[in-house]
Amino acid sequence: MSDDISAPKQAPKSKARYLFALLPLVAFAGFAAIAAKMLYEQDVNGLDVSAIPSALIGTKAPTLAMPPLEGSSTPALTDAAIAGQLTLVNVFASWCVPCRQEHPMLKELSKDSRINVVGINYKDKNDNALRFLGELGNPYKAIGVDPNGKAAIDWGVYGIPETYLVDKNGTIVYKKVGPIDPATLEKGLLPAIEKAVSGS
């Protein structure tokens, strides 16, 4: 009789253990599904997975009040340097390999009269930054030095290079994490510039 009573009591425990054992498998399946969807969107629909959404998009750009790059004739990056202009704010450093890769794109963009290209030099040594710009060319109309990364924190920087498009009213309208490349330019940045210029 006692055997018959104890048998049903053990069944719920076995079920609970079984369900608990399945949790890691369910979690893994969920992560795998998300990763598969991202890969599908990237390969089939051309989704740029590095275009991380920013809480700052649609908000006023943080205040700019950084010292200039010493030894350069380029002005300091301040609010006045971008006021009333469609501006591309690029966060770069001489030690950043992807910054070198995107630099030719920035030089081309600096020739576009519709936009003002400025730079935030992030946690860099002054001499190294000067050498970097001397070697690759200087696309920036203003450069602000951010030795301790405070400005980068204000801008919500994940890692460099990062680029922000700020409209004439001082609102951030686009963000790119990682280097600008031809695909980024065609599918993301240029459409954002066209939209900002047309005011739509």
Protein backbone atom coordinates (compact mmCIF):
# COMPACT_ATOMS: atom_id res chain seq x y z
CA MET A 1 0.00 0.00 0.00
CA SER A 2 2.80 2.38 0.94
CA ASP A 3 4.50 1.64 -2.41
CA ASP A 4 1.37 2.68 -4.29
CA ILE A 5 1.18 5.99 -2.40
CA SER A 6 4.87 6.93 -2.88
CA ALA A 7 4.98 6.29 -6.65
CA PRO A 8 2.83 9.28 -7.71
CA LYS A 9 4.88 11.61 -5.45
CA GLN A 10 8.10 10.89 -7.37
CA ALA A 11 6.59 11.52 -10.81
CA PRO A 12 6.39 15.35 -10.50
CA LYS A 13 10.04 15.46 -9.35
CA SER A 14 11.12 13.48 -12.42
CA LYS A 15 9.16 15.83 -14.68
CA ALA A 16 10.70 18.89 -13.06
CA ARG A 17 14.20 17.48 -13.48
CA TYR A 18 13.47 16.66 -17.11
CA LEU A 19 12.16 20.17 -17.80
CA PHE A 20 15.12 21.72 -15.97
CA ALA A 21 17.53 19.64 -18.06
CA LEU A 22 15.84 20.92 -21.24
CA LEU A 23 16.35 24.62 -20.37
CA PRO A 24 19.92 24.91 -21.77
CA LEU A 25 18.79 23.20 -24.98
CA VAL A 26 15.84 25.60 -25.36
CA ALA A 27 18.10 28.61 -24.68
CA PHE A 28 20.66 27.38 -27.21
CA ALA A 29 17.92 26.83 -29.80
CA GLY A 30 16.71 30.40 -29.23
CA PHE A 31 20.18 31.89 -29.69
CA ALA A 32 20.75 29.74 -32.77
CA ALA A 33 17.47 30.95 -34.28
CA ILE A 34 18.41 34.61 -33.70
CA ALA A 35 21.89 34.09 -35.19
CA ALA A 36 20.42 32.27 -38.20
CA LYS A 37 17.96 35.12 -38.79
CA MET A 38 20.76 37.72 -38.60
CA LEU A 39 22.91 35.74 -41.05
CA TYR A 40 19.94 35.34 -43.39
CA GLU A 41 19.18 39.08 -43.24
CA GLN A 42 22.85 39.88 -43.84
CA ASP A 43 23.30 37.51 -46.80
CA VAL A 44 19.90 37.79 -48.48
CA ASN A 45 18.68 41.28 -47.59
CA GLY A 46 22.04 43.03 -47.19
CA LEU A 47 21.46 43.93 -43.54
CA ASP A 48 24.43 45.71 -42.00
CA VAL A 49 24.74 43.92 -38.65
CA SER A 50 27.30 46.47 -37.47
CA ALA A 51 24.73 49.27 -37.71
CA ILE A 52 23.98 49.09 -34.00
CA PRO A 53 20.93 51.17 -33.05
CA SER A 54 21.79 54.16 -30.89
CA ALA A 55 19.62 55.73 -28.23
CA LEU A 56 21.05 59.07 -29.40
CA ILE A 57 19.54 58.89 -32.90
CA GLY A 58 16.83 61.52 -33.09
CA THR A 59 18.27 63.47 -30.15
CA LYS A 60 20.49 66.53 -29.93
CA ALA A 61 24.20 65.84 -30.37
CA PRO A 62 26.27 66.06 -27.17
CA THR A 63 28.14 69.29 -26.53
CA LEU A 64 31.48 69.58 -28.31
CA ALA A 65 34.21 71.44 -26.44
CA MET A 66 37.47 69.59 -27.05
CA PRO A 67 40.99 70.95 -27.36
CA PRO A 68 42.68 70.97 -30.78
CA LEU A 69 45.30 68.50 -31.96
CA GLU A 70 48.54 70.26 -31.05
CA GLY A 71 50.89 70.70 -33.98
CA SER A 72 48.03 70.66 -36.48
CA SER A 73 46.60 73.74 -38.15
CA THR A 74 43.12 72.19 -37.94
CA PRO A 75 40.77 74.05 -35.56
CA ALA A 76 39.45 72.54 -32.34
CA LEU A 77 36.17 70.64 -32.38
CA THR A 78 33.55 72.78 -30.67
CA ASP A 79 29.81 73.36 -31.07
CA ALA A 80 30.64 76.36 -33.25
CA ALA A 81 32.56 74.10 -35.69
CA ILE A 82 29.39 72.20 -36.59
CA ALA A 83 26.66 74.78 -35.97
CA GLY A 84 24.14 75.05 -38.82
CA GLN A 85 25.95 72.47 -40.98
CA LEU A 86 25.23 68.88 -41.95
CA THR A 87 28.19 67.26 -40.21
CA LEU A 88 29.87 63.87 -40.21
CA VAL A 89 31.51 63.28 -36.81
CA ASN A 90 34.12 60.53 -37.09
CA VAL A 91 35.79 58.92 -34.04
CA PHE A 92 39.31 57.74 -34.95
CA ALA A 93 42.78 56.94 -33.64
CA SER A 94 46.18 56.21 -35.18
CA TRP A 95 46.33 52.79 -33.45
CA CYS A 96 42.99 51.73 -34.94
CA VAL A 97 43.54 49.44 -37.97
CA PRO A 98 39.95 49.80 -39.33
CA CYS A 99 40.40 53.60 -39.14
CA ARG A 100 43.16 53.26 -41.75
CA GLN A 101 40.86 51.14 -43.90
CA GLU A 102 38.06 53.72 -43.92
CA HIS A 103 40.29 56.79 -44.27
CA PRO A 104 40.14 56.95 -48.10
CA MET A 105 36.32 57.00 -47.84
CA LEU A 106 36.50 59.94 -45.43
CA LYS A 107 38.82 61.80 -47.79
CA GLU A 108 36.27 61.35 -50.60
CA LEU A 109 33.41 62.43 -48.35
CA SER A 110 35.35 65.55 -47.35
CA LYS A 111 35.12 66.67 -51.00
CA ASP A 112 31.31 66.69 -50.82
CA SER A 113 30.32 70.34 -50.32
CA ARG A 114 27.06 69.33 -48.64
CA ILE A 115 28.77 67.95 -45.55
CA ASN A 116 31.24 69.09 -42.94
CA VAL A 117 33.62 66.27 -41.87
CA VAL A 118 35.08 66.57 -38.36
CA GLY A 119 37.01 64.15 -36.14
CA ILE A 120 37.28 63.08 -32.52
CA ASN A 121 40.78 61.74 -31.88
CA TYR A 122 40.18 59.00 -29.31
CA LYS A 123 42.74 58.01 -26.62
CA ASP A 124 45.65 58.69 -28.95
CA LYS A 125 49.14 60.09 -28.59
CA ASN A 126 49.50 63.52 -30.17
CA ASP A 127 52.58 62.66 -32.26
CA ASN A 128 51.00 59.43 -33.50
CA ALA A 129 47.83 61.24 -34.54
CA LEU A 130 49.86 63.86 -36.43
CA ARG A 131 51.85 61.12 -38.16
CA PHE A 132 48.64 59.26 -39.09
CA LEU A 133 47.13 62.37 -40.71
CA GLY A 134 50.44 63.34 -42.32
CA GLU A 135 50.72 59.92 -43.94
CA LEU A 136 47.09 59.41 -45.00
CA GLY A 137 45.88 62.99 -45.40
CA ASN A 138 43.58 65.10 -43.26
CA PRO A 139 39.89 65.01 -44.25
CA TYR A 140 38.75 66.89 -41.12
CA LYS A 141 37.72 70.55 -40.94
CA ALA A 142 38.01 70.39 -37.14
CA ILE A 143 39.57 67.87 -34.75
CA GLY A 144 38.90 67.45 -31.06
CA VAL A 145 41.30 65.53 -28.82
CA ASP A 146 39.64 63.07 -26.42
CA PRO A 147 42.57 61.65 -24.39
CA ASN A 148 40.52 59.99 -21.65
CA GLY A 149 37.48 58.97 -23.72
CA LYS A 150 35.00 61.27 -21.94
CA ALA A 151 33.58 62.70 -25.17
CA ALA A 152 33.29 59.20 -26.63
CA ILE A 153 31.20 58.16 -23.62
CA ASP A 154 28.91 61.18 -24.16
CA TRP A 155 28.44 60.08 -27.78
CA GLY A 156 27.71 56.47 -26.82
CA VAL A 157 30.73 55.07 -28.64
CA TYR A 158 30.92 51.23 -28.65
CA GLY A 159 34.35 51.02 -30.31
CA ILE A 160 36.18 52.83 -33.04
CA PRO A 161 35.89 53.82 -35.76
CA GLU A 162 32.39 55.18 -35.34
CA THR A 163 30.67 57.81 -37.42
CA TYR A 164 27.66 60.00 -36.71
CA LEU A 165 25.68 62.20 -39.09
CA VAL A 166 24.39 65.34 -37.39
CA ASP A 167 21.85 67.47 -39.25
CA LYS A 168 21.86 71.28 -39.48
CA ASN A 169 19.69 71.51 -36.37
CA GLY A 170 22.22 69.54 -34.33
CA THR A 171 20.23 66.28 -34.26
CA ILE A 172 21.95 62.90 -34.71
CA VAL A 173 20.26 61.22 -37.70
CA TYR A 174 22.61 58.31 -38.48
CA LYS A 175 25.25 56.18 -36.77
CA LYS A 176 27.76 53.68 -38.16
CA VAL A 177 29.78 51.38 -35.92
CA GLY A 178 32.91 50.14 -37.68
CA PRO A 179 34.65 51.37 -40.80
CA ILE A 180 32.81 53.08 -43.63
CA ASP A 181 33.13 50.97 -46.78
CA PRO A 182 31.51 51.18 -50.25
CA ALA A 183 28.49 49.10 -49.13
CA THR A 184 27.97 51.27 -46.03
CA LEU A 185 28.25 54.38 -48.15
CA GLU A 186 25.75 53.22 -50.76
CA LYS A 187 23.15 51.60 -48.50
CA GLY A 188 23.40 53.69 -45.33
CA LEU A 189 25.35 56.91 -45.26
CA LEU A 190 24.55 58.45 -48.65
CA PRO A 191 20.79 57.85 -48.30
CA ALA A 192 20.98 59.44 -44.82
CA ILE A 193 22.84 62.44 -46.28
CA GLU A 194 20.29 62.79 -49.12
CA LYS A 195 17.42 62.61 -46.63
CA ALA A 196 19.02 65.22 -44.35
CA VAL A 197 19.76 67.54 -47.29
CA SER A 198 16.21 67.31 -48.64
CA GLY A 199 14.79 67.76 -45.15
CA SER A 200 12.46 64.77 -45.49
